[in-house]
Amino acid sequence: MTVQTTIKEDADRGFIKRNSYYIKPEKSNYFFLDNSFFKKCYPTKIAGFLLLLKAICLNNTDTIQ
């Protein structure tokens, strides 16, 4: 994530400082999780296991090397 700050001068309010946030997509070491996962009522240990399993899979796939 990067932050870009811009400063504009306004006659009435003086200097106005604004931040813009940019997220650079990661090319590796990421996974996407469908929001429907959180709507299902999994037991805590099973939900944790499924999240860990998804985290070690290859980028947005269900394969493990």
N, C-alpha and C. Protein backbone atom coordinates (compact mmCIF):
# COMPACT_ATOMS: atom_id res chain seq x y z
N MET A 1 0.84 -1.16 0.00
CA MET A 1 0.00 0.00 0.00
C MET A 1 0.89 1.23 0.00
N THR A 2 0.55 2.16 -0.84
CA THR A 2 1.29 3.42 -0.89
C THR A 2 0.32 4.57 -0.64
N VAL A 3 0.85 5.65 -0.12
CA VAL A 3 0.06 6.84 0.17
C VAL A 3 0.62 7.99 -0.64
N GLN A 4 -0.27 8.69 -1.33
CA GLN A 4 0.14 9.86 -2.09
C GLN A 4 -0.59 11.06 -1.49
N THR A 5 0.17 12.04 -1.02
CA THR A 5 -0.41 13.22 -0.37
C THR A 5 -0.36 14.39 -1.35
N THR A 6 -1.51 15.04 -1.52
CA THR A 6 -1.57 16.24 -2.37
C THR A 6 -1.98 17.41 -1.49
N ILE A 7 -1.38 18.55 -1.76
CA ILE A 7 -1.67 19.76 -1.00
C ILE A 7 -2.14 20.82 -1.99
N LYS A 8 -3.37 21.32 -1.75
CA LYS A 8 -3.93 22.36 -2.61
C LYS A 8 -4.15 23.60 -1.76
N GLU A 9 -3.98 24.75 -2.40
CA GLU A 9 -4.18 26.01 -1.69
C GLU A 9 -5.56 26.54 -2.02
N ASP A 10 -6.33 26.84 -0.98
CA ASP A 10 -7.67 27.40 -1.13
C ASP A 10 -7.66 28.79 -0.52
N ALA A 11 -8.30 29.73 -1.20
CA ALA A 11 -8.30 31.11 -0.72
C ALA A 11 -9.03 31.25 0.61
N ASP A 12 -10.08 30.48 0.81
CA ASP A 12 -10.87 30.60 2.04
C ASP A 12 -10.32 29.74 3.17
N ARG A 13 -9.92 28.52 2.86
CA ARG A 13 -9.53 27.58 3.92
C ARG A 13 -8.02 27.39 4.07
N GLY A 14 -7.25 28.03 3.26
CA GLY A 14 -5.79 27.87 3.35
C GLY A 14 -5.34 26.63 2.59
N PHE A 15 -4.41 25.90 3.16
CA PHE A 15 -3.88 24.71 2.51
C PHE A 15 -4.73 23.50 2.87
N ILE A 16 -5.10 22.72 1.87
CA ILE A 16 -5.89 21.51 2.07
C ILE A 16 -5.01 20.32 1.73
N LYS A 17 -4.89 19.43 2.67
CA LYS A 17 -4.03 18.25 2.52
C LYS A 17 -4.93 17.02 2.34
N ARG A 18 -4.73 16.27 1.26
CA ARG A 18 -5.52 15.07 1.01
C ARG A 18 -4.61 13.88 0.75
N ASN A 19 -4.98 12.75 1.31
CA ASN A 19 -4.23 11.52 1.10
C ASN A 19 -5.01 10.60 0.18
N SER A 20 -4.31 10.00 -0.77
CA SER A 20 -4.88 8.97 -1.64
C SER A 20 -4.12 7.69 -1.36
N TYR A 21 -4.85 6.61 -1.18
CA TYR A 21 -4.25 5.32 -0.85
C TYR A 21 -4.35 4.40 -2.05
N TYR A 22 -3.23 3.79 -2.42
CA TYR A 22 -3.19 2.88 -3.56
C TYR A 22 -2.70 1.52 -3.09
N ILE A 23 -3.39 0.50 -3.52
CA ILE A 23 -3.01 -0.86 -3.17
C ILE A 23 -2.43 -1.52 -4.41
N LYS A 24 -1.19 -1.91 -4.31
CA LYS A 24 -0.52 -2.58 -5.42
C LYS A 24 -0.81 -4.08 -5.28
N PRO A 25 -1.40 -4.68 -6.32
CA PRO A 25 -1.69 -6.11 -6.20
C PRO A 25 -0.42 -6.95 -6.08
N GLU A 26 -0.45 -7.87 -5.18
CA GLU A 26 0.68 -8.76 -4.93
C GLU A 26 0.67 -9.86 -6.00
N LYS A 27 1.82 -10.17 -6.57
CA LYS A 27 1.90 -11.18 -7.63
C LYS A 27 2.04 -12.58 -7.07
N SER A 28 2.36 -12.71 -5.81
CA SER A 28 2.47 -14.02 -5.20
C SER A 28 2.08 -13.91 -3.73
N ASN A 29 1.91 -15.06 -3.10
CA ASN A 29 1.59 -15.12 -1.67
C ASN A 29 0.27 -14.42 -1.34
N TYR A 30 -0.78 -14.74 -2.06
CA TYR A 30 -2.09 -14.18 -1.76
C TYR A 30 -3.15 -15.25 -1.99
N PHE A 31 -4.32 -15.02 -1.46
CA PHE A 31 -5.46 -15.86 -1.80
C PHE A 31 -6.73 -15.04 -1.66
N PHE A 32 -7.73 -15.40 -2.46
CA PHE A 32 -9.02 -14.75 -2.40
C PHE A 32 -9.99 -15.66 -1.67
N LEU A 33 -10.85 -15.07 -0.90
CA LEU A 33 -11.82 -15.83 -0.15
C LEU A 33 -13.20 -15.25 -0.45
N ASP A 34 -14.08 -16.10 -0.92
CA ASP A 34 -15.44 -15.68 -1.23
C ASP A 34 -16.16 -15.29 0.07
N ASN A 35 -16.91 -14.21 0.05
CA ASN A 35 -17.59 -13.74 1.26
C ASN A 35 -18.62 -14.74 1.78
N SER A 36 -19.07 -15.64 0.94
CA SER A 36 -20.06 -16.62 1.39
C SER A 36 -19.47 -17.54 2.47
N PHE A 37 -18.14 -17.62 2.54
CA PHE A 37 -17.48 -18.43 3.57
C PHE A 37 -17.91 -17.97 4.96
N PHE A 38 -18.05 -16.67 5.15
CA PHE A 38 -18.36 -16.12 6.47
C PHE A 38 -19.84 -16.21 6.81
N LYS A 39 -20.68 -16.52 5.81
CA LYS A 39 -22.11 -16.64 6.06
C LYS A 39 -22.49 -18.06 6.49
N LYS A 40 -21.56 -19.01 6.30
CA LYS A 40 -21.84 -20.39 6.67
C LYS A 40 -21.48 -20.61 8.14
N CYS A 41 -22.20 -21.50 8.77
CA CYS A 41 -21.99 -21.75 10.21
C CYS A 41 -21.09 -22.96 10.39
N TYR A 42 -19.79 -22.78 10.16
CA TYR A 42 -18.82 -23.84 10.42
C TYR A 42 -18.45 -23.81 11.89
N PRO A 43 -18.15 -24.97 12.48
CA PRO A 43 -17.56 -24.95 13.82
C PRO A 43 -16.20 -24.22 13.75
N THR A 44 -15.81 -23.61 14.83
CA THR A 44 -14.62 -22.77 14.86
C THR A 44 -13.37 -23.49 14.38
N LYS A 45 -13.14 -24.71 14.83
CA LYS A 45 -11.92 -25.44 14.45
C LYS A 45 -11.93 -25.79 12.96
N ILE A 46 -13.07 -26.13 12.41
CA ILE A 46 -13.14 -26.46 10.99
C ILE A 46 -12.95 -25.20 10.15
N ALA A 47 -13.55 -24.09 10.55
CA ALA A 47 -13.38 -22.83 9.81
C ALA A 47 -11.91 -22.41 9.82
N GLY A 48 -11.25 -22.54 10.97
CA GLY A 48 -9.83 -22.20 11.05
C GLY A 48 -8.98 -23.09 10.17
N PHE A 49 -9.30 -24.40 10.16
CA PHE A 49 -8.56 -25.32 9.31
C PHE A 49 -8.75 -24.97 7.84
N LEU A 50 -9.98 -24.66 7.43
CA LEU A 50 -10.24 -24.32 6.03
C LEU A 50 -9.51 -23.05 5.62
N LEU A 51 -9.45 -22.06 6.52
CA LEU A 51 -8.71 -20.83 6.21
C LEU A 51 -7.21 -21.10 6.07
N LEU A 52 -6.66 -21.91 6.96
CA LEU A 52 -5.24 -22.26 6.86
C LEU A 52 -4.96 -23.04 5.59
N LEU A 53 -5.85 -23.95 5.24
CA LEU A 53 -5.67 -24.74 4.02
C LEU A 53 -5.71 -23.84 2.79
N LYS A 54 -6.62 -22.89 2.76
CA LYS A 54 -6.71 -21.96 1.64
C LYS A 54 -5.46 -21.08 1.58
N ALA A 55 -4.90 -20.73 2.73
CA ALA A 55 -3.74 -19.85 2.77
C ALA A 55 -2.49 -20.52 2.22
N ILE A 56 -2.38 -21.85 2.32
CA ILE A 56 -1.17 -22.51 1.82
C ILE A 56 -1.33 -23.01 0.39
N CYS A 57 -2.52 -22.86 -0.19
CA CYS A 57 -2.72 -23.27 -1.58
C CYS A 57 -2.05 -22.27 -2.51
N LEU A 58 -1.80 -22.70 -3.74
CA LEU A 58 -1.22 -21.81 -4.73
C LEU A 58 -2.18 -20.67 -5.02
N ASN A 59 -1.67 -19.59 -5.57
CA ASN A 59 -2.42 -18.36 -5.76
C ASN A 59 -3.81 -18.58 -6.32
N ASN A 60 -4.79 -18.41 -5.47
CA ASN A 60 -6.22 -18.46 -5.80
C ASN A 60 -6.61 -19.76 -6.47
N THR A 61 -5.97 -20.85 -6.13
CA THR A 61 -6.36 -22.17 -6.63
C THR A 61 -6.60 -23.06 -5.43
N ASP A 62 -6.95 -24.27 -5.67
CA ASP A 62 -7.13 -25.22 -4.58
C ASP A 62 -6.07 -26.30 -4.66
N THR A 63 -4.88 -25.93 -5.15
CA THR A 63 -3.78 -26.90 -5.30
C THR A 63 -2.64 -26.58 -4.35
N ILE A 64 -2.04 -27.60 -3.84
CA ILE A 64 -0.87 -27.46 -2.97
C ILE A 64 0.30 -28.15 -3.65
N GLN A 65 1.46 -27.52 -3.68
CA GLN A 65 2.64 -28.13 -4.30
C GLN A 65 3.20 -29.19 -3.39
